[in-house]
Amino acid sequence: MQTEKVQWEAVSSAYDRLTESERQEKPEALIPTLASIISEEAESLVSLEKITAYTERLGSTLATSSTGHAFFNGKHFDVDDVSASTL
């Protein structure tokens, strides 16, 4: 597939190189195919239990900030009226 703006062969080749590198570092990693991502058919590869455990480790649950959380350049912020207005 190729469009005027995106050269899908180049995208596919780059994705394959990146995923191969990831597989070498983490053989157990679950990596979706590019086709499944593009077609929006990619299944969730991470269980909700793992996501919940991760948010609890970060302290970014609704219990710790009922108005939500934001991450900018990896830094965690509780979202409140002040922080939301400065965004």
Protein backbone atom coordinates (compact mmCIF):
# COMPACT_ATOMS: atom_id res chain seq x y z
CA MET A 1 0.00 0.00 0.00
CA GLN A 2 1.25 3.52 -0.77
CA THR A 3 -0.39 6.93 -0.56
CA GLU A 4 0.77 10.36 -1.64
CA LYS A 5 1.98 11.21 1.88
CA VAL A 6 3.01 7.88 3.40
CA GLN A 7 5.33 5.32 1.87
CA TRP A 8 4.00 2.24 3.61
CA GLU A 9 6.85 0.01 2.46
CA ALA A 10 9.31 2.30 4.26
CA VAL A 11 7.09 2.37 7.36
CA SER A 12 6.78 -1.41 7.31
CA SER A 13 10.51 -1.88 6.92
CA ALA A 14 11.27 0.51 9.80
CA TYR A 15 8.66 -1.19 12.02
CA ASP A 16 10.13 -4.61 11.25
CA ARG A 17 13.63 -3.40 12.23
CA LEU A 18 12.35 -1.88 15.47
CA THR A 19 10.34 -4.94 16.45
CA GLU A 20 13.21 -7.29 15.63
CA SER A 21 15.46 -5.27 17.92
CA GLU A 22 12.81 -5.43 20.65
CA ARG A 23 12.41 -9.19 20.21
CA GLN A 24 16.17 -9.68 20.58
CA GLU A 25 16.19 -7.72 23.83
CA LYS A 26 12.92 -9.16 25.15
CA PRO A 27 12.05 -12.48 23.49
CA GLU A 28 8.91 -12.77 25.64
CA ALA A 29 7.53 -9.40 24.46
CA LEU A 30 4.13 -9.45 22.77
CA ILE A 31 4.42 -7.26 19.69
CA PRO A 32 1.48 -6.68 17.35
CA THR A 33 1.95 -6.74 13.60
CA LEU A 34 1.92 -3.44 11.76
CA ALA A 35 -1.06 -4.61 9.70
CA SER A 36 -3.11 -5.26 12.84
CA ILE A 37 -2.26 -1.81 14.20
CA ILE A 38 -3.17 -0.05 10.97
CA SER A 39 -6.42 -1.97 10.59
CA GLU A 40 -7.26 -1.25 14.25
CA GLU A 41 -7.66 -4.98 14.86
CA ALA A 42 -4.78 -5.21 17.32
CA GLU A 43 -5.89 -7.01 20.43
CA SER A 44 -4.88 -5.53 23.74
CA LEU A 45 -1.58 -7.23 24.50
CA VAL A 46 -1.40 -6.10 28.09
CA SER A 47 -3.96 -7.40 30.54
CA LEU A 48 -6.01 -4.94 32.55
CA GLU A 49 -4.57 -6.50 35.70
CA LYS A 50 -1.05 -5.49 34.65
CA ILE A 51 -2.20 -1.97 33.79
CA THR A 52 -3.94 -1.67 37.16
CA ALA A 53 -0.83 -2.87 39.00
CA TYR A 54 1.31 -0.37 37.09
CA THR A 55 -0.96 2.60 37.86
CA GLU A 56 -1.03 1.59 41.52
CA ARG A 57 2.79 1.44 41.62
CA LEU A 58 2.92 4.94 40.13
CA GLY A 59 0.33 6.21 42.58
CA SER A 60 -1.80 7.40 39.68
CA THR A 61 -5.15 5.94 40.67
CA LEU A 62 -8.43 7.84 40.98
CA ALA A 63 -8.17 7.35 44.73
CA THR A 64 -5.03 9.53 44.82
CA SER A 65 -6.44 12.24 42.54
CA SER A 66 -10.11 12.11 41.68
CA THR A 67 -9.61 14.67 38.89
CA GLY A 68 -7.01 12.53 37.11
CA HIS A 69 -3.33 12.36 36.27
CA ALA A 70 -1.08 13.59 33.48
CA PHE A 71 2.41 12.60 32.38
CA PHE A 72 4.69 15.09 30.63
CA ASN A 73 8.09 13.82 29.52
CA GLY A 74 7.66 10.96 31.97
CA LYS A 75 6.99 13.22 34.95
CA HIS A 76 3.75 12.58 36.86
CA PHE A 77 1.32 15.37 37.75
CA ASP A 78 -2.02 15.23 39.53
CA VAL A 79 -4.59 17.06 37.44
CA ASP A 80 -6.47 19.71 39.36
CA ASP A 81 -8.08 23.06 38.52
CA VAL A 82 -4.74 24.87 38.69
CA SER A 83 -2.74 22.44 36.57
CA ALA A 84 -5.56 22.04 34.05
CA SER A 85 -5.81 25.81 33.55
CA THR A 86 -2.06 26.10 32.84
CA LEU A 87 -2.22 23.49 30.11
